[in-house]
Protein backbone atom coordinates (compact mmCIF):
# COMPACT_ATOMS: atom_id res chain seq x y z
CA MET A 1 0.10 -0.04 0.11
CA GLU A 2 2.73 2.33 0.69
CA PHE A 3 4.38 1.79 -2.71
CA LEU A 4 0.64 2.33 -4.16
CA ASN A 5 0.85 5.97 -1.96
CA LYS A 6 4.47 7.10 -2.99
CA LEU A 7 3.24 6.21 -6.74
CA GLU A 8 0.33 8.12 -6.29
CA LYS A 9 2.27 10.98 -5.10
CA THR A 10 4.91 10.78 -8.17
CA VAL A 11 1.86 10.84 -10.77
CA PHE A 12 0.11 13.35 -9.01
CA GLY A 13 3.32 15.55 -9.54
CA TRP A 14 3.40 14.83 -13.42
CA PHE A 15 -0.25 16.10 -13.95
CA LYS A 16 -0.04 19.08 -11.68
CA SER A 17 1.31 21.45 -14.55
CA VAL A 18 -1.86 20.42 -16.90
CA PRO A 19 -4.47 23.04 -16.70
CA ASP A 20 -7.25 21.95 -14.40
CA LEU A 21 -11.02 21.47 -15.52
CA PRO A 22 -13.63 23.94 -13.82
CA ASN A 23 -14.72 23.16 -10.64
CA GLU A 24 -18.07 22.46 -11.78
CA ALA A 25 -16.99 19.66 -13.87
CA ARG A 26 -14.59 18.10 -11.13
CA LYS A 27 -17.28 17.99 -9.00
CA TRP A 28 -19.65 16.50 -11.28
CA LEU A 29 -16.94 13.50 -12.60
CA SER A 30 -16.46 13.23 -8.89
CA GLU A 31 -20.08 12.73 -7.99
CA ASN A 32 -20.91 10.66 -11.36
CA ALA A 33 -17.82 8.93 -11.19
CA TRP A 34 -19.45 5.42 -9.67
CA TRP A 35 -21.69 5.19 -12.73
CA ILE A 36 -19.31 5.76 -15.16
CA VAL A 37 -17.36 3.07 -13.66
CA VAL A 38 -20.70 0.70 -13.83
CA ILE A 39 -20.65 1.17 -17.52
CA GLY A 40 -16.68 0.59 -17.76
CA LEU A 41 -17.49 -2.86 -15.92
CA ILE A 42 -20.39 -3.54 -18.12
CA LEU A 43 -17.84 -3.14 -21.17
CA THR A 44 -15.31 -5.42 -19.53
CA VAL A 45 -17.68 -7.84 -18.88
CA LEU A 46 -18.69 -7.84 -22.39
CA SER A 47 -15.07 -7.69 -23.72
CA ILE A 48 -14.41 -10.60 -21.23
CA LEU A 49 -17.81 -12.59 -23.16
CA GLY A 50 -16.16 -11.88 -26.49
CA ASN A 51 -12.59 -13.08 -25.57
CA LEU A 52 -14.24 -16.64 -24.19
CA SER A 53 -15.96 -16.94 -27.24
CA ASN A 54 -12.80 -16.01 -29.53
CA LEU A 55 -10.62 -18.68 -26.85
CA SER A 56 -13.68 -21.17 -27.47
CA SER A 57 -13.50 -20.69 -31.43
CA LEU A 58 -9.48 -21.10 -31.47
CA VAL A 59 -9.72 -24.17 -29.42
CA SER A 60 -12.18 -25.82 -31.55
CA LEU A 61 -9.86 -25.11 -34.21
CA MET A 62 -7.05 -27.02 -32.72
CA ASP A 63 -8.88 -30.33 -33.03
CA SER A 64 -10.17 -29.73 -36.53
CA PRO A 65 -8.33 -31.82 -38.96
CA ALA A 66 -9.43 -29.73 -42.04
CA ALA A 67 -8.43 -26.80 -40.33
CA ALA A 68 -4.88 -28.38 -40.26
CA TYR A 69 -4.48 -27.11 -44.09
CA PHE A 70 -5.66 -23.63 -43.36
CA VAL A 71 -4.77 -22.71 -39.77
CA SER A 72 -0.97 -22.95 -38.35
CA PRO A 73 -0.89 -24.53 -34.91
CA ALA A 74 1.45 -22.17 -33.85
CA ILE A 75 -0.43 -19.12 -35.01
CA THR A 76 -3.32 -20.60 -33.29
CA THR A 77 -1.52 -21.51 -30.00
CA TRP A 78 0.01 -17.99 -30.05
CA ASN A 79 -3.36 -16.57 -30.27
CA ILE A 80 -5.01 -18.78 -27.39
CA ILE A 81 -1.82 -17.70 -25.09
CA THR A 82 -2.45 -13.94 -25.83
CA ILE A 83 -6.41 -14.33 -25.24
CA ILE A 84 -5.80 -16.06 -21.73
CA VAL A 85 -3.36 -13.30 -20.51
CA SER A 86 -5.88 -10.83 -21.63
CA LEU A 87 -8.63 -12.50 -20.03
CA PHE A 88 -6.12 -12.13 -16.81
CA PHE A 89 -5.90 -8.71 -17.24
CA LEU A 90 -9.61 -8.07 -17.69
CA LEU A 91 -10.89 -10.16 -14.93
CA LEU A 92 -8.68 -8.34 -12.55
CA GLU A 93 -9.71 -5.10 -13.76
CA ALA A 94 -13.53 -6.48 -13.50
CA ILE A 95 -12.75 -7.18 -9.95
CA LEU A 96 -11.45 -3.66 -9.07
CA LEU A 97 -14.04 -1.55 -11.10
CA ALA A 98 -16.58 -3.50 -9.39
CA PHE A 99 -14.86 -3.19 -5.88
CA ALA A 100 -14.66 0.76 -6.24
CA ILE A 101 -18.79 1.49 -7.35
CA GLN A 102 -19.48 1.73 -3.50
CA PRO A 103 -16.93 3.42 -2.26
CA LEU A 104 -17.32 6.09 -5.34
CA LYS A 105 -20.63 6.29 -4.38
CA GLU A 106 -20.20 7.24 -1.11
CA ARG A 107 -17.01 9.77 -2.07
CA GLN A 108 -14.51 7.76 -0.50
CA LYS A 109 -10.63 7.85 -1.00
CA LYS A 110 -10.66 3.83 -1.50
CA GLY A 111 -13.11 4.53 -4.07
CA TRP A 112 -10.46 6.96 -6.30
CA VAL A 113 -7.75 4.43 -5.11
CA LEU A 114 -9.13 1.37 -6.73
CA LEU A 115 -9.56 3.50 -9.71
CA PHE A 116 -5.98 4.27 -9.76
CA ALA A 117 -5.01 0.94 -9.39
CA THR A 118 -7.16 -0.19 -12.14
CA TRP A 119 -5.36 2.63 -14.30
CA LEU A 120 -2.02 1.03 -13.25
CA LEU A 121 -2.81 -2.11 -14.41
CA GLY A 122 -4.48 -0.97 -17.61
CA ILE A 123 -1.24 0.30 -18.31
CA VAL A 124 0.48 -3.00 -17.62
CA ALA A 125 -1.76 -4.75 -19.33
CA LEU A 126 -1.07 -2.32 -22.47
CA VAL A 127 2.51 -2.95 -22.33
CA VAL A 128 2.01 -6.92 -21.94
CA GLY A 129 -0.37 -6.74 -25.17
CA ALA A 130 1.94 -4.92 -26.80
CA PHE A 131 4.78 -7.07 -26.49
CA LEU A 132 2.60 -10.22 -27.20
CA GLY A 133 1.33 -8.93 -30.39
CA LEU A 134 4.90 -9.89 -32.08
CA SER A 135 4.99 -7.19 -34.55
CA VAL A 136 6.77 -4.46 -34.60
CA ILE A 137 4.41 -2.04 -36.45
CA ASN A 138 1.44 -3.57 -33.91
CA PHE A 139 3.59 -2.80 -30.83
CA ILE A 140 4.39 0.69 -32.07
CA ILE A 141 0.57 1.59 -32.62
CA SER A 142 -0.25 0.06 -29.73
CA VAL A 143 2.09 2.05 -27.27
CA LEU A 144 0.98 5.13 -29.56
CA PHE A 145 -2.80 4.65 -28.76
CA GLY A 146 -2.08 3.23 -25.55
CA ALA A 147 -0.03 6.53 -24.62
CA VAL A 148 -3.09 8.88 -25.28
CA TRP A 149 -5.29 6.58 -23.39
CA VAL A 150 -3.16 6.55 -20.36
CA ALA A 151 -2.63 10.36 -20.72
CA VAL A 152 -6.49 11.09 -21.16
CA SER A 153 -7.61 8.90 -18.96
CA GLY A 154 -4.84 9.53 -16.29
CA TYR A 155 -5.54 13.37 -16.76
CA PHE A 156 -9.42 12.73 -15.94
CA LEU A 157 -8.56 10.61 -12.81
CA PHE A 158 -6.25 12.95 -11.31
CA GLU A 159 -8.44 15.84 -12.05
CA ILE A 160 -11.27 14.12 -9.46
CA HIS A 161 -8.42 13.34 -6.90
CA GLY A 162 -8.91 16.18 -4.49
CA GLN A 163 -12.74 15.18 -4.67
CA PHE A 164 -12.15 12.03 -2.90
CA ALA A 165 -9.13 12.84 -0.74
CA HIS A 166 -10.68 14.11 2.68
CA VAL A 167 -14.43 12.41 2.46
CA GLU A 168 -14.39 9.92 6.06
CA ARG A 169 -18.00 9.25 5.37
CA SER A 170 -19.36 5.66 4.91
CA ARG A 171 -22.67 4.37 4.78
CA GLY A 172 -24.66 4.09 8.07
CA VAL A 173 -22.25 6.52 10.02
CA LYS A 174 -23.74 9.90 10.73
CA LYS A 175 -21.92 13.10 10.56
CA ALA A 176 -20.92 14.88 13.64
CA LYS A 177 -22.87 18.42 14.16
């Protein structure tokens, strides 16, 4: 956890020099982050289902004698490996997103930290996926588009950072008067 806090402070320093969103926009994003995360979770689950479908198709190809003439077993096996790695990262992201929803509703720091961990996991998944592409062009395109995704999502994530930093209320606990 200490490593995550140090990393948070380091990355926060990178985004300090970037112009801020208006206060109303930051407040709106922080209040509505939980349902944006729900949409992201739904899309992640759909991606998991799509990858499972692809995995099923590739596994069935490996047993087919007719496919031996059209599909290289090495390529099919490598595609299966990349799908399994992708599924691993997607499952971890789905779990983190699911656990972030309630704390984000209550605007707790824990919800933001879970989003930050999901963002970091997405960066690792991006780099691993770029290497697994086995193509220089694929690697360059993945890294370029991934860098744009990292910058934009990190910008919005750190714009709402202050909205969650000092909120201590939780469900069922009344505020002192």
